[in-house]
Amino acid sequence: MGHLGGEKIQRTEQVSVDHAGARLDQVAAELFEGFSRSRLQTWIKQGALTVNGRKARPKDKLVGGESLTLEAELAPELEDQPEAISLPVVYEDEDLIVINKPAGLVVHPAAGHADGTLLNGLLHLDERLSSLPRAGIVHRLDRDTTGLMVVARSLEAHNGLVAQLQDKSLHREYEAIAVGVMTGGGTVDAPIGRHPVDRKRQAVVAQGGKPAVTHFRVMDRYRAHTRIQVRLETGRTHQIRVHMAHRHYPLMGDPLYGGRLKFPAGATEALREALRRFPRQALHARRLGLVHPVSGEYLEFETPLPEDLQTLIRVLEEDREAQ
């Protein structure tokens, strides 16, 4: 396939009236998802990203209705360094890599996590990824969420996967342990945005949130917890964690949205110990289904629960039987 450097990108996006009064660089970052704000600012300054065909400045305000056109050449983003990180690869071909992300692995470099991330590991796995937006990463999992993620290896695959995420045809199924005993499954349809006070958190917000839809069903009930299967329609930051907490069934072990630790009455010592020691939100991306963006073939991947979740479920079952 050769190196991707020098591959051209051509895209036009319409600015909606909702963006009236917003800066060009902010709107561009939203419309041209997958490119970093700094890269977009450079393109605006170079005149590669134009407003109604005219050069503009990153801070210029938009009124809504404009046409943003990006015509640029993809050159490597060199700030991030390749690192030899062991990544469990489930599937790979010329256009895709599917990995089973372990707990504790951050997806993107950010403040406090400048290296040692999935992105650094991917650059080591395939140097061509340095020319793709965010090294081919099209969706993310939180640091302590485990499971399946697909990464694009070519521009064609990247565009195809982004389109599947936007039209909600990328099938993402999770398993989780929620605190509390649910009577049944359901759907949460509630917009998510940044928490008004705590900037590290997301929240269900009435104003300015992005649409978010989560479907869940009960797989098993324990004395004070429920094992659920969750299917995402949208992929907002922390979506499952925020939506389940909004329903008053936060995920077990969730440090941000979980509330304080509760034990069922007469819990076995093994259960108390297991609940106390579980260090992360009990969430695993179990199944991923997608149409191969180049061959058109439907692919589905499934990965078993990690050991810590299997152990937790076993202890919850034993506690239930012990009563």
C-alpha atoms as a PDB file:
ATOM      1  CA  MET A   1       0.000   0.000   0.000  1.00  0.00           C
ATOM      2  CA  GLY A   2       2.971   2.300   0.401  1.00  0.00           C
ATOM      3  CA  HIS A   3       3.325   5.160   2.825  1.00  0.00           C
ATOM      4  CA  LEU A   4       0.352   7.447   3.332  1.00  0.00           C
ATOM      5  CA  GLY A   5       2.361  10.653   3.472  1.00  0.00           C
ATOM      6  CA  GLY A   6       1.261  13.026   0.741  1.00  0.00           C
ATOM      7  CA  GLU A   7      -2.246  11.587   0.533  1.00  0.00           C
ATOM      8  CA  LYS A   8      -4.728  14.380  -0.162  1.00  0.00           C
ATOM      9  CA  ILE A   9      -7.874  15.048   1.786  1.00  0.00           C
ATOM     10  CA  GLN A  10     -10.829  16.962   0.320  1.00  0.00           C
ATOM     11  CA  ARG A  11     -13.927  17.573   2.403  1.00  0.00           C
ATOM     12  CA  THR A  12     -16.661  20.191   2.618  1.00  0.00           C
ATOM     13  CA  GLU A  13     -18.915  20.646   5.654  1.00  0.00           C
ATOM     14  CA  GLN A  14     -21.850  22.998   6.206  1.00  0.00           C
ATOM     15  CA  VAL A  15     -21.943  25.213   9.301  1.00  0.00           C
ATOM     16  CA  SER A  16     -25.316  25.003  11.058  1.00  0.00           C
ATOM     17  CA  VAL A  17     -27.088  27.992  12.620  1.00  0.00           C
ATOM     18  CA  ASP A  18     -26.405  26.397  16.040  1.00  0.00           C
ATOM     19  CA  HIS A  19     -22.764  27.452  15.548  1.00  0.00           C
ATOM     20  CA  ALA A  20     -23.611  31.158  15.110  1.00  0.00           C
ATOM     21  CA  GLY A  21     -21.130  33.275  17.066  1.00  0.00           C
ATOM     22  CA  ALA A  22     -18.587  30.447  17.538  1.00  0.00           C
ATOM     23  CA  ARG A  23     -14.936  30.650  16.476  1.00  0.00           C
ATOM     24  CA  LEU A  24     -13.929  29.079  13.183  1.00  0.00           C
ATOM     25  CA  ASP A  25     -11.318  26.773  14.775  1.00  0.00           C
ATOM     26  CA  GLN A  26     -13.853  25.471  17.342  1.00  0.00           C
ATOM     27  CA  VAL A  27     -16.477  24.724  14.691  1.00  0.00           C
ATOM     28  CA  ALA A  28     -13.860  23.133  12.415  1.00  0.00           C
ATOM     29  CA  ALA A  29     -12.769  20.793  15.237  1.00  0.00           C
ATOM     30  CA  GLU A  30     -16.378  19.646  15.616  1.00  0.00           C
ATOM     31  CA  LEU A  31     -17.161  19.262  11.895  1.00  0.00           C
ATOM     32  CA  PHE A  32     -13.840  17.717  10.836  1.00  0.00           C
ATOM     33  CA  GLU A  33     -13.757  15.150  13.605  1.00  0.00           C
ATOM     34  CA  GLY A  34     -10.540  13.195  13.949  1.00  0.00           C
ATOM     35  CA  PHE A  35      -8.122  16.074  13.336  1.00  0.00           C
ATOM     36  CA  SER A  36      -6.481  17.862  16.257  1.00  0.00           C
ATOM     37  CA  ARG A  37      -7.391  21.516  16.858  1.00  0.00           C
ATOM     38  CA  SER A  38      -3.747  22.566  16.340  1.00  0.00           C
ATOM     39  CA  ARG A  39      -3.591  20.823  12.958  1.00  0.00           C
ATOM     40  CA  LEU A  40      -6.842  22.507  11.861  1.00  0.00           C
ATOM     41  CA  GLN A  41      -5.552  25.924  13.028  1.00  0.00           C
ATOM     42  CA  THR A  42      -2.440  25.424  10.896  1.00  0.00           C
ATOM     43  CA  TRP A  43      -4.576  24.569   7.873  1.00  0.00           C
ATOM     44  CA  ILE A  44      -6.771  27.649   8.451  1.00  0.00           C
ATOM     45  CA  LYS A  45      -3.677  29.887   8.618  1.00  0.00           C
ATOM     46  CA  GLN A  46      -2.260  28.271   5.466  1.00  0.00           C
ATOM     47  CA  GLY A  47      -5.555  28.774   3.607  1.00  0.00           C
ATOM     48  CA  ALA A  48      -6.049  25.004   3.207  1.00  0.00           C
ATOM     49  CA  LEU A  49      -9.300  25.289   5.192  1.00  0.00           C
ATOM     50  CA  THR A  50     -11.469  28.060   3.750  1.00  0.00           C
ATOM     51  CA  VAL A  51     -14.827  29.685   4.571  1.00  0.00           C
ATOM     52  CA  ASN A  52     -17.037  30.024   1.479  1.00  0.00           C
ATOM     53  CA  GLY A  53     -13.843  29.655  -0.572  1.00  0.00           C
ATOM     54  CA  ARG A  54     -12.047  32.509   1.223  1.00  0.00           C
ATOM     55  CA  LYS A  55      -9.123  32.454   3.632  1.00  0.00           C
ATOM     56  CA  ALA A  56     -10.041  33.302   7.246  1.00  0.00           C
ATOM     57  CA  ARG A  57      -8.434  33.409  10.690  1.00  0.00           C
ATOM     58  CA  PRO A  58      -8.901  30.730  13.382  1.00  0.00           C
ATOM     59  CA  LYS A  59     -10.576  33.222  15.746  1.00  0.00           C
ATOM     60  CA  ASP A  60     -13.046  34.591  13.152  1.00  0.00           C
ATOM     61  CA  LYS A  61     -16.669  34.187  14.260  1.00  0.00           C
ATOM     62  CA  LEU A  62     -19.151  32.310  12.078  1.00  0.00           C
ATOM     63  CA  VAL A  63     -22.802  33.237  11.555  1.00  0.00           C
ATOM     64  CA  GLY A  64     -24.144  29.853  10.399  1.00  0.00           C
ATOM     65  CA  GLY A  65     -24.783  28.616   6.851  1.00  0.00           C
ATOM     66  CA  GLU A  66     -21.162  28.941   5.696  1.00  0.00           C
ATOM     67  CA  SER A  67     -19.439  26.222   3.734  1.00  0.00           C
ATOM     68  CA  LEU A  68     -16.078  25.048   5.156  1.00  0.00           C
ATOM     69  CA  THR A  69     -13.796  23.391   2.616  1.00  0.00           C
ATOM     70  CA  LEU A  70     -10.671  21.474   3.594  1.00  0.00           C
ATOM     71  CA  GLU A  71      -8.138  20.696   0.863  1.00  0.00           C
ATOM     72  CA  ALA A  72      -4.920  19.566   2.452  1.00  0.00           C
ATOM     73  CA  GLU A  73      -2.124  17.068   2.202  1.00  0.00           C
ATOM     74  CA  LEU A  74      -1.722  14.600   5.034  1.00  0.00           C
ATOM     75  CA  ALA A  75       1.782  14.812   6.410  1.00  0.00           C
ATOM     76  CA  PRO A  76       2.843  12.938   9.547  1.00  0.00           C
ATOM     77  CA  GLU A  77       1.999  14.524  12.897  1.00  0.00           C
ATOM     78  CA  LEU A  78       5.383  14.050  14.473  1.00  0.00           C
ATOM     79  CA  GLU A  79       4.763  15.157  18.067  1.00  0.00           C
ATOM     80  CA  ASP A  80       3.822  11.640  19.231  1.00  0.00           C
ATOM     81  CA  GLN A  81       6.579   9.053  19.399  1.00  0.00           C
ATOM     82  CA  PRO A  82       6.270   5.341  18.566  1.00  0.00           C
ATOM     83  CA  GLU A  83       6.662   3.140  21.658  1.00  0.00           C
ATOM     84  CA  ALA A  84       6.979  -0.630  21.929  1.00  0.00           C
ATOM     85  CA  ILE A  85       3.798  -1.314  23.918  1.00  0.00           C
ATOM     86  CA  SER A  86       2.291  -4.781  23.907  1.00  0.00           C
ATOM     87  CA  LEU A  87      -1.110  -4.483  22.206  1.00  0.00           C
ATOM     88  CA  PRO A  88      -3.323  -7.595  22.063  1.00  0.00           C
ATOM     89  CA  VAL A  89      -4.276  -7.676  18.349  1.00  0.00           C
ATOM     90  CA  VAL A  90      -7.486  -9.634  17.664  1.00  0.00           C
ATOM     91  CA  TYR A  91      -7.547  -9.053  13.897  1.00  0.00           C
ATOM     92  CA  GLU A  92      -5.545  -7.177  11.291  1.00  0.00           C
ATOM     93  CA  ASP A  93      -5.421  -6.679   7.547  1.00  0.00           C
ATOM     94  CA  GLU A  94      -4.149  -3.936   5.211  1.00  0.00           C
ATOM     95  CA  ASP A  95      -6.903  -1.513   6.291  1.00  0.00           C
ATOM     96  CA  LEU A  96      -7.908  -2.377   9.867  1.00  0.00           C
ATOM     97  CA  ILE A  97      -6.534  -3.379  13.244  1.00  0.00           C
ATOM     98  CA  VAL A  98      -8.860  -4.615  16.006  1.00  0.00           C
ATOM     99  CA  ILE A  99      -7.360  -4.719  19.481  1.00  0.00           C
ATOM    100  CA  ASN A 100      -8.540  -5.989  22.864  1.00  0.00           C
ATOM    101  CA  LYS A 101      -7.603  -3.027  25.060  1.00  0.00           C
ATOM    102  CA  PRO A 102      -6.399  -3.877  28.573  1.00  0.00           C
ATOM    103  CA  ALA A 103      -7.401  -1.871  31.669  1.00  0.00           C
ATOM    104  CA  GLY A 104      -5.130   1.043  32.534  1.00  0.00           C
ATOM    105  CA  LEU A 105      -4.191   1.901  28.939  1.00  0.00           C
ATOM    106  CA  VAL A 106      -4.940   5.509  27.924  1.00  0.00           C
ATOM    107  CA  VAL A 107      -6.039   5.840  24.280  1.00  0.00           C
ATOM    108  CA  HIS A 108      -4.743   9.363  23.414  1.00  0.00           C
ATOM    109  CA  PRO A 109      -1.781  11.339  24.719  1.00  0.00           C
ATOM    110  CA  ALA A 110      -3.036  14.197  26.944  1.00  0.00           C
ATOM    111  CA  ALA A 111      -1.931  16.261  29.933  1.00  0.00           C
ATOM    112  CA  GLY A 112      -0.601  13.798  32.506  1.00  0.00           C
ATOM    113  CA  HIS A 113      -0.398  11.011  29.900  1.00  0.00           C
ATOM    114  CA  ALA A 114       2.031  12.325  27.299  1.00  0.00           C
ATOM    115  CA  ASP A 115       3.290   8.847  26.417  1.00  0.00           C
ATOM    116  CA  GLY A 116       2.675   5.170  27.095  1.00  0.00           C
ATOM    117  CA  THR A 117      -0.702   5.423  25.325  1.00  0.00           C
ATOM    118  CA  LEU A 118      -2.467   3.213  22.811  1.00  0.00           C
ATOM    119  CA  LEU A 119      -1.641   5.801  20.134  1.00  0.00           C
ATOM    120  CA  ASN A 120       2.100   5.522  20.885  1.00  0.00           C
ATOM    121  CA  GLY A 121       1.837   1.724  20.672  1.00  0.00           C
ATOM    122  CA  LEU A 122      -0.029   1.902  17.369  1.00  0.00           C
ATOM    123  CA  LEU A 123       2.660   4.133  15.822  1.00  0.00           C
ATOM    124  CA  HIS A 124       5.202   1.451  16.741  1.00  0.00           C
ATOM    125  CA  LEU A 125       2.991  -1.289  15.291  1.00  0.00           C
ATOM    126  CA  ASP A 126       2.607   0.508  11.935  1.00  0.00           C
ATOM    127  CA  GLU A 127       4.584   3.681  11.080  1.00  0.00           C
ATOM    128  CA  ARG A 128       2.084   4.548   8.314  1.00  0.00           C
ATOM    129  CA  LEU A 129      -0.458   5.469  10.983  1.00  0.00           C
ATOM    130  CA  SER A 130       1.467   8.696  11.664  1.00  0.00           C
ATOM    131  CA  SER A 131      -0.128  10.163   8.513  1.00  0.00           C
ATOM    132  CA  LEU A 132      -3.699   9.376   9.558  1.00  0.00           C
ATOM    133  CA  PRO A 133      -5.884  11.553  11.807  1.00  0.00           C
ATOM    134  CA  ARG A 134      -5.199  10.490  15.419  1.00  0.00           C
ATOM    135  CA  ALA A 135      -3.139   7.554  14.108  1.00  0.00           C
ATOM    136  CA  GLY A 136      -6.302   5.905  12.773  1.00  0.00           C
ATOM    137  CA  ILE A 137      -8.209   5.929  16.078  1.00  0.00           C
ATOM    138  CA  VAL A 138     -11.889   6.595  15.311  1.00  0.00           C
ATOM    139  CA  HIS A 139     -13.511   5.787  18.677  1.00  0.00           C
ATOM    140  CA  ARG A 140     -12.118   5.397  22.149  1.00  0.00           C
ATOM    141  CA  LEU A 141     -12.525   3.472  25.377  1.00  0.00           C
ATOM    142  CA  ASP A 142     -11.909   5.066  28.779  1.00  0.00           C
ATOM    143  CA  ARG A 143      -8.563   4.250  30.395  1.00  0.00           C
ATOM    144  CA  ASP A 144      -9.960   1.537  32.692  1.00  0.00           C
ATOM    145  CA  THR A 145     -12.556   0.110  30.297  1.00  0.00           C
ATOM    146  CA  THR A 146     -11.427  -3.113  28.616  1.00  0.00           C
ATOM    147  CA  GLY A 147     -12.333  -4.620  25.275  1.00  0.00           C
ATOM    148  CA  LEU A 148     -12.574  -4.209  21.535  1.00  0.00           C
ATOM    149  CA  MET A 149     -11.532  -1.170  19.536  1.00  0.00           C
ATOM    150  CA  VAL A 150     -11.116  -0.851  15.778  1.00  0.00           C
ATOM    151  CA  VAL A 151      -8.354   1.320  14.281  1.00  0.00           C
ATOM    152  CA  ALA A 152      -8.080   2.407  10.633  1.00  0.00           C
ATOM    153  CA  ARG A 153      -4.855   1.756   8.733  1.00  0.00           C
ATOM    154  CA  SER A 154      -5.735   3.638   5.538  1.00  0.00           C
ATOM    155  CA  LEU A 155      -7.484   6.892   4.710  1.00  0.00           C
ATOM    156  CA  GLU A 156     -10.243   4.984   2.909  1.00  0.00           C
ATOM    157  CA  ALA A 157     -10.844   2.812   5.987  1.00  0.00           C
ATOM    158  CA  HIS A 158     -10.756   5.886   8.252  1.00  0.00           C
ATOM    159  CA  ASN A 159     -13.413   7.682   6.212  1.00  0.00           C
ATOM    160  CA  GLY A 160     -15.546   4.522   6.073  1.00  0.00           C
ATOM    161  CA  LEU A 161     -15.389   3.880   9.821  1.00  0.00           C
ATOM    162  CA  VAL A 162     -16.160   7.524  10.672  1.00  0.00           C
ATOM    163  CA  ALA A 163     -19.210   7.298   8.359  1.00  0.00           C
ATOM    164  CA  GLN A 164     -20.383   4.113  10.152  1.00  0.00           C
ATOM    165  CA  LEU A 165     -20.019   5.823  13.527  1.00  0.00           C
ATOM    166  CA  GLN A 166     -22.013   8.803  12.269  1.00  0.00           C
ATOM    167  CA  ASP A 167     -24.852   6.748  10.778  1.00  0.00           C
ATOM    168  CA  LYS A 168     -24.857   4.507  13.896  1.00  0.00           C
ATOM    169  CA  SER A 169     -24.224   1.288  11.930  1.00  0.00           C
ATOM    170  CA  LEU A 170     -21.069   0.375  13.903  1.00  0.00           C
ATOM    171  CA  HIS A 171     -22.342  -2.238  16.384  1.00  0.00           C
ATOM    172  CA  ARG A 172     -20.848  -1.863  19.877  1.00  0.00           C
ATOM    173  CA  GLU A 173     -21.955  -4.119  22.706  1.00  0.00           C
ATOM    174  CA  TYR A 174     -20.694  -4.006  26.273  1.00  0.00           C
ATOM    175  CA  GLU A 175     -21.072  -5.958  29.493  1.00  0.00           C
ATOM    176  CA  ALA A 176     -21.144  -4.241  32.863  1.00  0.00           C
ATOM    177  CA  ILE A 177     -21.940  -4.769  36.532  1.00  0.00           C
ATOM    178  CA  ALA A 178     -24.254  -2.073  37.905  1.00  0.00           C
ATOM    179  CA  VAL A 179     -24.882  -1.290  41.573  1.00  0.00           C
ATOM    180  CA  GLY A 180     -28.509  -2.010  42.535  1.00  0.00           C
ATOM    181  CA  VAL A 181     -31.014  -4.646  41.419  1.00  0.00           C
ATOM    182  CA  MET A 182     -32.810  -3.718  38.190  1.00  0.00           C
ATOM    183  CA  THR A 183     -36.330  -4.891  37.436  1.00  0.00           C
ATOM    184  CA  GLY A 184     -35.695  -4.912  33.688  1.00  0.00           C
ATOM    185  CA  GLY A 185     -33.847  -3.336  30.792  1.00  0.00           C
ATOM    186  CA  GLY A 186     -34.599  -0.138  28.941  1.00  0.00           C
ATOM    187  CA  THR A 187     -33.234   2.784  26.960  1.00  0.00           C
ATOM    188  CA  VAL A 188     -31.654   6.000  28.197  1.00  0.00           C
ATOM    189  CA  ASP A 189     -32.085   8.863  25.742  1.00  0.00           C
ATOM    190  CA  ALA A 190     -30.528  11.877  27.459  1.00  0.00           C
ATOM    191  CA  PRO A 191     -28.061  14.468  26.092  1.00  0.00           C
ATOM    192  CA  ILE A 192     -24.550  14.471  27.559  1.00  0.00           C
ATOM    193  CA  GLY A 193     -22.187  17.415  27.971  1.00  0.00           C
ATOM    194  CA  ARG A 194     -19.409  18.568  30.242  1.00  0.00           C
ATOM    195  CA  HIS A 195     -20.367  18.786  33.915  1.00  0.00           C
ATOM    196  CA  PRO A 196     -21.079  22.465  34.733  1.00  0.00           C
ATOM    197  CA  VAL A 197     -18.839  22.438  37.827  1.00  0.00           C
ATOM    198  CA  ASP A 198     -16.457  19.453  37.714  1.00  0.00           C
ATOM    199  CA  ARG A 199     -14.536  19.682  34.403  1.00  0.00           C
ATOM    200  CA  LYS A 200     -13.270  16.077  34.674  1.00  0.00           C
ATOM    201  CA  ARG A 201     -16.796  14.717  34.519  1.00  0.00           C
ATOM    202  CA  GLN A 202     -19.577  14.513  31.980  1.00  0.00           C
ATOM    203  CA  ALA A 203     -23.234  14.845  32.906  1.00  0.00           C
ATOM    204  CA  VAL A 204     -26.754  14.629  31.525  1.00  0.00           C
ATOM    205  CA  VAL A 205     -27.437  18.272  30.665  1.00  0.00           C
ATOM    206  CA  ALA A 206     -30.592  20.012  29.471  1.00  0.00           C
ATOM    207  CA  GLN A 207     -28.773  22.729  27.494  1.00  0.00           C
ATOM    208  CA  GLY A 208     -25.943  22.278  25.022  1.00  0.00           C
ATOM    209  CA  GLY A 209     -25.458  18.535  25.424  1.00  0.00           C
ATOM    210  CA  LYS A 210     -24.915  16.167  22.493  1.00  0.00           C
ATOM    211  CA  PRO A 211     -27.607  13.543  21.797  1.00  0.00           C
ATOM    212  CA  ALA A 212     -26.814  10.234  23.515  1.00  0.00           C
ATOM    213  CA  VAL A 213     -28.749   6.944  23.415  1.00  0.00           C
ATOM    214  CA  THR A 214     -27.918   3.802  25.424  1.00  0.00           C
ATOM    215  CA  HIS A 215     -29.884   0.512  25.360  1.00  0.00           C
ATOM    216  CA  PHE A 216     -29.453  -1.975  28.215  1.00  0.00           C
ATOM    217  CA  ARG A 217     -30.886  -5.348  29.202  1.00  0.00           C
ATOM    218  CA  VAL A 218     -30.560  -7.536  32.286  1.00  0.00           C
ATOM    219  CA  MET A 219     -28.343 -10.623  31.972  1.00  0.00           C
ATOM    220  CA  ASP A 220     -28.336 -11.690  35.636  1.00  0.00           C
ATOM    221  CA  ARG A 221     -29.340 -10.313  39.042  1.00  0.00           C
ATOM    222  CA  TYR A 222     -27.433 -10.652  42.286  1.00  0.00           C
ATOM    223  CA  ARG A 223     -28.461  -9.555  45.765  1.00  0.00           C
ATOM    224  CA  ALA A 224     -27.364  -5.931  45.330  1.00  0.00           C
ATOM    225  CA  HIS A 225     -25.965  -5.786  41.775  1.00  0.00           C
ATOM    226  CA  THR A 226     -27.082  -6.471  38.198  1.00  0.00           C
ATOM    227  CA  ARG A 227     -25.099  -7.824  35.265  1.00  0.00           C
ATOM    228  CA  ILE A 228     -26.193  -5.978  32.139  1.00  0.00           C
ATOM    229  CA  GLN A 229     -25.601  -6.021  28.410  1.00  0.00           C
ATOM    230  CA  VAL A 230     -25.367  -2.532  26.921  1.00  0.00           C
ATOM    231  CA  ARG A 231     -25.607  -1.407  23.303  1.00  0.00           C
ATOM    232  CA  LEU A 232     -24.495   2.056  22.204  1.00  0.00           C
ATOM    233  CA  GLU A 233     -26.193   4.104  19.510  1.00  0.00           C
ATOM    234  CA  THR A 234     -23.924   7.102  20.096  1.00  0.00           C
ATOM    235  CA  GLY A 235     -20.411   7.260  21.552  1.00  0.00           C
ATOM    236  CA  ARG A 236     -20.171  10.203  23.934  1.00  0.00           C
ATOM    237  CA  THR A 237     -17.364  10.476  26.479  1.00  0.00           C
ATOM    238  CA  HIS A 238     -18.196   8.269  29.523  1.00  0.00           C
ATOM    239  CA  GLN A 239     -21.656   7.631  27.990  1.00  0.00           C
ATOM    240  CA  ILE A 240     -22.527   4.282  29.627  1.00  0.00           C
ATOM    241  CA  ARG A 241     -21.135   5.395  32.988  1.00  0.00           C
ATOM    242  CA  VAL A 242     -23.064   8.694  32.934  1.00  0.00           C
ATOM    243  CA  HIS A 243     -26.337   7.188  31.682  1.00  0.00           C
ATOM    244  CA  MET A 244     -26.397   4.326  34.197  1.00  0.00           C
ATOM    245  CA  ALA A 245     -25.580   6.707  37.075  1.00  0.00           C
ATOM    246  CA  HIS A 246     -28.380   8.972  35.774  1.00  0.00           C
ATOM    247  CA  ARG A 247     -30.727   5.983  36.138  1.00  0.00           C
ATOM    248  CA  HIS A 248     -29.413   5.475  39.714  1.00  0.00           C
ATOM    249  CA  TYR A 249     -27.613   2.253  38.762  1.00  0.00           C
ATOM    250  CA  PRO A 250     -23.964   3.428  38.596  1.00  0.00           C
ATOM    251  CA  LEU A 251     -21.312   0.979  37.456  1.00  0.00           C
ATOM    252  CA  MET A 252     -19.572  -1.030  40.128  1.00  0.00           C
ATOM    253  CA  GLY A 253     -16.127   0.421  40.965  1.00  0.00           C
ATOM    254  CA  ASP A 254     -16.635   3.630  38.969  1.00  0.00           C
ATOM    255  CA  PRO A 255     -14.343   6.247  40.584  1.00  0.00           C
ATOM    256  CA  LEU A 256     -16.097   9.234  38.960  1.00  0.00           C
ATOM    257  CA  TYR A 257     -19.780   8.324  38.921  1.00  0.00           C
ATOM    258  CA  GLY A 258     -20.075   5.389  41.316  1.00  0.00           C
ATOM    259  CA  GLY A 259     -20.973   6.862  44.684  1.00  0.00           C
ATOM    260  CA  ARG A 260     -19.836   5.108  47.822  1.00  0.00           C
ATOM    261  CA  LEU A 261     -19.315   1.384  48.154  1.00  0.00           C
ATOM    262  CA  LYS A 262     -22.380  -0.570  49.367  1.00  0.00           C
ATOM    263  CA  PHE A 263     -22.489  -4.182  50.575  1.00  0.00           C
ATOM    264  CA  PRO A 264     -25.619  -6.353  50.545  1.00  0.00           C
ATOM    265  CA  ALA A 265     -26.833  -7.328  54.052  1.00  0.00           C
ATOM    266  CA  GLY A 266     -24.936 -10.357  55.286  1.00  0.00           C
ATOM    267  CA  ALA A 267     -22.446 -10.223  52.393  1.00  0.00           C
ATOM    268  CA  THR A 268     -19.852 -12.994  52.449  1.00  0.00           C
ATOM    269  CA  GLU A 269     -16.350 -11.909  53.432  1.00  0.00           C
ATOM    270  CA  ALA A 270     -15.216 -12.940  49.943  1.00  0.00           C
ATOM    271  CA  LEU A 271     -17.716 -10.507  48.390  1.00  0.00           C
ATOM    272  CA  ARG A 272     -16.782  -7.633  50.715  1.00  0.00           C
ATOM    273  CA  GLU A 273     -13.136  -8.152  49.840  1.00  0.00           C
ATOM    274  CA  ALA A 274     -13.852  -8.448  46.082  1.00  0.00           C
ATOM    275  CA  LEU A 275     -15.969  -5.272  46.028  1.00  0.00           C
ATOM    276  CA  ARG A 276     -13.388  -3.323  48.052  1.00  0.00           C
ATOM    277  CA  ARG A 277     -10.539  -4.424  45.810  1.00  0.00           C
ATOM    278  CA  PHE A 278     -12.162  -3.940  42.411  1.00  0.00           C
ATOM    279  CA  PRO A 279     -10.149  -0.943  41.158  1.00  0.00           C
ATOM    280  CA  ARG A 280     -12.054   0.251  38.068  1.00  0.00           C
ATOM    281  CA  GLN A 281     -15.480   0.651  36.488  1.00  0.00           C
ATOM    282  CA  ALA A 282     -16.833  -2.845  35.738  1.00  0.00           C
ATOM    283  CA  LEU A 283     -17.218  -2.284  32.002  1.00  0.00           C
ATOM    284  CA  HIS A 284     -16.017  -4.370  29.062  1.00  0.00           C
ATOM    285  CA  ALA A 285     -16.513  -3.788  25.307  1.00  0.00           C
ATOM    286  CA  ARG A 286     -17.424  -7.355  24.464  1.00  0.00           C
ATOM    287  CA  ARG A 287     -18.624  -7.311  20.860  1.00  0.00           C
ATOM    288  CA  LEU A 288     -17.883  -5.176  17.806  1.00  0.00           C
ATOM    289  CA  GLY A 289     -19.601  -5.455  14.433  1.00  0.00           C
ATOM    290  CA  LEU A 290     -18.754  -3.422  11.340  1.00  0.00           C
ATOM    291  CA  VAL A 291     -18.837  -3.451   7.567  1.00  0.00           C
ATOM    292  CA  HIS A 292     -15.262  -3.669   6.287  1.00  0.00           C
ATOM    293  CA  PRO A 293     -14.812  -0.181   4.782  1.00  0.00           C
ATOM    294  CA  VAL A 294     -12.856  -1.478   1.778  1.00  0.00           C
ATOM    295  CA  SER A 295     -14.134  -5.021   1.035  1.00  0.00           C
ATOM    296  CA  GLY A 296     -17.751  -4.374   2.127  1.00  0.00           C
ATOM    297  CA  GLU A 297     -17.801  -7.651   4.113  1.00  0.00           C
ATOM    298  CA  TYR A 298     -19.554  -7.677   7.536  1.00  0.00           C
ATOM    299  CA  LEU A 299     -17.098  -8.536  10.325  1.00  0.00           C
ATOM    300  CA  GLU A 300     -17.956  -9.331  13.935  1.00  0.00           C
ATOM    301  CA  PHE A 301     -15.565  -9.767  16.828  1.00  0.00           C
ATOM    302  CA  GLU A 302     -16.148 -10.950  20.375  1.00  0.00           C
ATOM    303  CA  THR A 303     -13.766 -11.124  23.309  1.00  0.00           C
ATOM    304  CA  PRO A 304     -14.353 -12.839  26.676  1.00  0.00           C
ATOM    305  CA  LEU A 305     -14.567 -10.894  29.920  1.00  0.00           C
ATOM    306  CA  PRO A 306     -11.188 -10.110  31.496  1.00  0.00           C
ATOM    307  CA  GLU A 307     -10.166 -12.140  34.521  1.00  0.00           C
ATOM    308  CA  ASP A 308     -11.002  -9.480  37.114  1.00  0.00           C
ATOM    309  CA  LEU A 309     -14.621  -9.251  35.884  1.00  0.00           C
ATOM    310  CA  GLN A 310     -14.967 -13.043  35.685  1.00  0.00           C
ATOM    311  CA  THR A 311     -13.789 -13.301  39.296  1.00  0.00           C
ATOM    312  CA  LEU A 312     -16.186 -10.551  40.428  1.00  0.00           C
ATOM    313  CA  ILE A 313     -19.146 -12.329  38.775  1.00  0.00           C
ATOM    314  CA  ARG A 314     -18.179 -15.657  40.360  1.00  0.00           C
ATOM    315  CA  VAL A 315     -18.077 -14.077  43.841  1.00  0.00           C
ATOM    316  CA  LEU A 316     -21.443 -12.319  43.276  1.00  0.00           C
ATOM    317  CA  GLU A 317     -22.976 -15.665  42.248  1.00  0.00           C
ATOM    318  CA  GLU A 318     -21.509 -17.436  45.291  1.00  0.00           C
ATOM    319  CA  ASP A 319     -22.856 -14.713  47.603  1.00  0.00           C
ATOM    320  CA  ARG A 320     -26.332 -15.145  46.089  1.00  0.00           C
ATOM    321  CA  GLU A 321     -26.228 -18.937  46.499  1.00  0.00           C
ATOM    322  CA  ALA A 322     -24.970 -18.643  50.085  1.00  0.00           C
ATOM    323  CA  GLN A 323     -28.146 -16.925  51.319  1.00  0.00           C
END
